[in-house]
Amino acid sequence: MGAKDFATLRTVSTGSWLRQSVHGRGLGKEMRAAVVLWAFDWLGAEVAESEAAAWNAASLGVSASLGYELNGITRKAWGTTVETLQHVRLSPETFNRPDWTLKVDGHEAAVKFLGIR
């Protein structure tokens, strides 16, 4: 998770890379859900954004399953390769929350470091 001007924009960006050997186990979805829960419920984020290569149906599927909505495309250089990226956007209202509860340790130190409360 990352953010720029979070105190003003209340927007985070999310993303992950999983090694091929663990694809298909639900780890990416669980990780993204945990990060978004922390951002929305603990940090007061209003928006979570992400992106994936347009050809990456699995990654875009994780985003869609959590409630992210399509939010435009851009082109970026990844090394010498040009990729078309699909952007996605999530709000607390569209978030498909998991059926488990997030446990957070160290939150106060993070908030103090971020200077948001």
C-alpha atoms as a PDB file:
ATOM      1  CA  MET A   1       0.000   0.000   0.000  1.00  0.00           C
ATOM      2  CA  GLY A   2       1.200   3.475  -0.761  1.00  0.00           C
ATOM      3  CA  ALA A   3      -0.136   7.004  -0.651  1.00  0.00           C
ATOM      4  CA  LYS A   4       0.817  10.532  -1.585  1.00  0.00           C
ATOM      5  CA  ASP A   5      -0.771  13.501   0.214  1.00  0.00           C
ATOM      6  CA  PHE A   6      -2.887  11.019   2.196  1.00  0.00           C
ATOM      7  CA  ALA A   7      -3.973  13.526   4.862  1.00  0.00           C
ATOM      8  CA  THR A   8      -5.648  15.588   2.132  1.00  0.00           C
ATOM      9  CA  LEU A   9      -6.668  13.051  -0.524  1.00  0.00           C
ATOM     10  CA  ARG A  10      -7.516  10.081   1.743  1.00  0.00           C
ATOM     11  CA  THR A  11      -6.517   7.846  -1.175  1.00  0.00           C
ATOM     12  CA  VAL A  12      -4.254   4.797  -1.109  1.00  0.00           C
ATOM     13  CA  SER A  13      -2.814   2.692  -3.876  1.00  0.00           C
ATOM     14  CA  THR A  14      -2.686  -1.066  -3.505  1.00  0.00           C
ATOM     15  CA  GLY A  15      -0.787  -3.720  -5.353  1.00  0.00           C
ATOM     16  CA  SER A  16       1.046  -6.980  -4.977  1.00  0.00           C
ATOM     17  CA  TRP A  17       3.177  -9.518  -6.754  1.00  0.00           C
ATOM     18  CA  LEU A  18       2.863 -13.200  -5.949  1.00  0.00           C
ATOM     19  CA  ARG A  19       5.254 -15.853  -7.122  1.00  0.00           C
ATOM     20  CA  GLN A  20       3.729 -18.230  -9.649  1.00  0.00           C
ATOM     21  CA  SER A  21       3.874 -21.198  -7.256  1.00  0.00           C
ATOM     22  CA  VAL A  22       1.266 -19.634  -4.941  1.00  0.00           C
ATOM     23  CA  HIS A  23      -1.170 -18.333  -7.558  1.00  0.00           C
ATOM     24  CA  GLY A  24      -4.733 -19.566  -7.290  1.00  0.00           C
ATOM     25  CA  ARG A  25      -4.781 -20.029  -3.502  1.00  0.00           C
ATOM     26  CA  GLY A  26      -6.659 -16.835  -2.642  1.00  0.00           C
ATOM     27  CA  LEU A  27      -3.609 -15.218  -1.028  1.00  0.00           C
ATOM     28  CA  GLY A  28      -3.679 -12.155  -3.287  1.00  0.00           C
ATOM     29  CA  LYS A  29      -7.343 -11.515  -2.554  1.00  0.00           C
ATOM     30  CA  GLU A  30      -6.860 -11.981   1.193  1.00  0.00           C
ATOM     31  CA  MET A  31      -3.824  -9.694   1.249  1.00  0.00           C
ATOM     32  CA  ARG A  32      -5.598  -6.972  -0.733  1.00  0.00           C
ATOM     33  CA  ALA A  33      -8.702  -7.253   1.468  1.00  0.00           C
ATOM     34  CA  ALA A  34      -6.559  -6.897   4.605  1.00  0.00           C
ATOM     35  CA  VAL A  35      -4.763  -3.825   3.289  1.00  0.00           C
ATOM     36  CA  VAL A  36      -8.013  -2.195   2.202  1.00  0.00           C
ATOM     37  CA  LEU A  37      -9.686  -2.964   5.543  1.00  0.00           C
ATOM     38  CA  TRP A  38      -6.792  -1.276   7.326  1.00  0.00           C
ATOM     39  CA  ALA A  39      -6.924   1.714   4.987  1.00  0.00           C
ATOM     40  CA  PHE A  40     -10.694   2.239   5.219  1.00  0.00           C
ATOM     41  CA  ASP A  41     -11.440   1.232   8.798  1.00  0.00           C
ATOM     42  CA  TRP A  42      -8.272   2.257  10.615  1.00  0.00           C
ATOM     43  CA  LEU A  43      -6.718   5.070   8.566  1.00  0.00           C
ATOM     44  CA  GLY A  44      -9.885   6.740   7.277  1.00  0.00           C
ATOM     45  CA  ALA A  45      -9.157   6.268   3.572  1.00  0.00           C
ATOM     46  CA  GLU A  46     -11.981   7.216   1.229  1.00  0.00           C
ATOM     47  CA  VAL A  47     -10.586   5.610  -1.941  1.00  0.00           C
ATOM     48  CA  ALA A  48      -8.290   2.707  -2.807  1.00  0.00           C
ATOM     49  CA  GLU A  49      -6.797   2.534  -6.294  1.00  0.00           C
ATOM     50  CA  SER A  50      -4.861  -0.153  -8.099  1.00  0.00           C
ATOM     51  CA  GLU A  51      -3.761  -1.140 -11.575  1.00  0.00           C
ATOM     52  CA  ALA A  52      -2.810  -4.232 -13.521  1.00  0.00           C
ATOM     53  CA  ALA A  53      -1.574  -5.002 -16.993  1.00  0.00           C
ATOM     54  CA  ALA A  54      -4.646  -5.168 -19.237  1.00  0.00           C
ATOM     55  CA  TRP A  55      -3.797  -8.780 -20.130  1.00  0.00           C
ATOM     56  CA  ASN A  56      -3.616  -9.855 -16.456  1.00  0.00           C
ATOM     57  CA  ALA A  57      -7.113 -11.283 -16.025  1.00  0.00           C
ATOM     58  CA  ALA A  58      -6.232 -12.981 -12.723  1.00  0.00           C
ATOM     59  CA  SER A  59      -5.121  -9.740 -11.066  1.00  0.00           C
ATOM     60  CA  LEU A  60      -8.064  -7.812 -12.453  1.00  0.00           C
ATOM     61  CA  GLY A  61     -10.314 -10.634 -11.222  1.00  0.00           C
ATOM     62  CA  VAL A  62      -9.029 -10.178  -7.666  1.00  0.00           C
ATOM     63  CA  SER A  63      -9.811  -6.474  -7.905  1.00  0.00           C
ATOM     64  CA  ALA A  64     -13.290  -7.090  -9.340  1.00  0.00           C
ATOM     65  CA  SER A  65     -14.105  -9.682  -6.667  1.00  0.00           C
ATOM     66  CA  LEU A  66     -13.410  -7.079  -3.959  1.00  0.00           C
ATOM     67  CA  GLY A  67     -15.584  -4.464  -5.641  1.00  0.00           C
ATOM     68  CA  TYR A  68     -12.999  -2.363  -7.482  1.00  0.00           C
ATOM     69  CA  GLU A  69     -14.506  -0.638 -10.514  1.00  0.00           C
ATOM     70  CA  LEU A  70     -12.785   0.129 -13.827  1.00  0.00           C
ATOM     71  CA  ASN A  71     -11.204   3.576 -13.810  1.00  0.00           C
ATOM     72  CA  GLY A  72      -9.435   4.163 -17.143  1.00  0.00           C
ATOM     73  CA  ILE A  73      -6.311   2.937 -18.894  1.00  0.00           C
ATOM     74  CA  THR A  74      -2.802   4.274 -19.378  1.00  0.00           C
ATOM     75  CA  ARG A  75       0.404   3.127 -21.020  1.00  0.00           C
ATOM     76  CA  LYS A  76       3.621   2.718 -19.046  1.00  0.00           C
ATOM     77  CA  ALA A  77       7.096   1.511 -19.801  1.00  0.00           C
ATOM     78  CA  TRP A  78       8.127  -1.562 -17.811  1.00  0.00           C
ATOM     79  CA  GLY A  79      11.787  -1.684 -18.714  1.00  0.00           C
ATOM     80  CA  THR A  80      11.820  -1.638 -22.506  1.00  0.00           C
ATOM     81  CA  THR A  81       8.283  -3.049 -22.783  1.00  0.00           C
ATOM     82  CA  VAL A  82       5.241  -0.838 -23.184  1.00  0.00           C
ATOM     83  CA  GLU A  83       2.237  -2.107 -21.225  1.00  0.00           C
ATOM     84  CA  THR A  84      -1.367  -0.991 -21.244  1.00  0.00           C
ATOM     85  CA  LEU A  85      -2.527  -0.706 -17.644  1.00  0.00           C
ATOM     86  CA  GLN A  86      -6.115  -0.996 -16.477  1.00  0.00           C
ATOM     87  CA  HIS A  87      -6.781   1.255 -13.475  1.00  0.00           C
ATOM     88  CA  VAL A  88      -9.375   0.303 -10.865  1.00  0.00           C
ATOM     89  CA  ARG A  89     -10.941   2.213  -7.967  1.00  0.00           C
ATOM     90  CA  LEU A  90     -12.649   1.121  -4.740  1.00  0.00           C
ATOM     91  CA  SER A  91     -14.681   3.017  -2.148  1.00  0.00           C
ATOM     92  CA  PRO A  92     -15.936   1.850   1.241  1.00  0.00           C
ATOM     93  CA  GLU A  93     -19.422   1.654  -0.283  1.00  0.00           C
ATOM     94  CA  THR A  94     -18.410  -0.687  -3.131  1.00  0.00           C
ATOM     95  CA  PHE A  95     -15.979  -2.813  -1.072  1.00  0.00           C
ATOM     96  CA  ASN A  96     -17.018  -6.481  -0.846  1.00  0.00           C
ATOM     97  CA  ARG A  97     -15.851  -7.050   2.707  1.00  0.00           C
ATOM     98  CA  PRO A  98     -14.483 -10.457   3.703  1.00  0.00           C
ATOM     99  CA  ASP A  99     -16.255 -12.580   6.297  1.00  0.00           C
ATOM    100  CA  TRP A 100     -13.307 -12.369   8.695  1.00  0.00           C
ATOM    101  CA  THR A 101     -12.153  -9.622  11.070  1.00  0.00           C
ATOM    102  CA  LEU A 102      -8.830  -7.872  10.614  1.00  0.00           C
ATOM    103  CA  LYS A 103      -6.535  -7.814  13.634  1.00  0.00           C
ATOM    104  CA  VAL A 104      -4.115  -4.874  13.627  1.00  0.00           C
ATOM    105  CA  ASP A 105      -1.022  -4.493  15.794  1.00  0.00           C
ATOM    106  CA  GLY A 106       1.165  -1.377  15.786  1.00  0.00           C
ATOM    107  CA  HIS A 107      -1.525   0.901  14.406  1.00  0.00           C
ATOM    108  CA  GLU A 108      -0.849   3.840  16.727  1.00  0.00           C
ATOM    109  CA  ALA A 109       2.820   3.947  15.774  1.00  0.00           C
ATOM    110  CA  ALA A 110       1.886   3.922  12.089  1.00  0.00           C
ATOM    111  CA  VAL A 111      -0.633   6.748  12.542  1.00  0.00           C
ATOM    112  CA  LYS A 112       1.938   8.796  14.435  1.00  0.00           C
ATOM    113  CA  PHE A 113       4.520   8.189  11.710  1.00  0.00           C
ATOM    114  CA  LEU A 114       2.015   9.149   9.007  1.00  0.00           C
ATOM    115  CA  GLY A 115       0.918  12.246  10.948  1.00  0.00           C
ATOM    116  CA  ILE A 116      -2.781  11.700  10.283  1.00  0.00           C
ATOM    117  CA  ARG A 117      -4.301  11.862  13.779  1.00  0.00           C
END
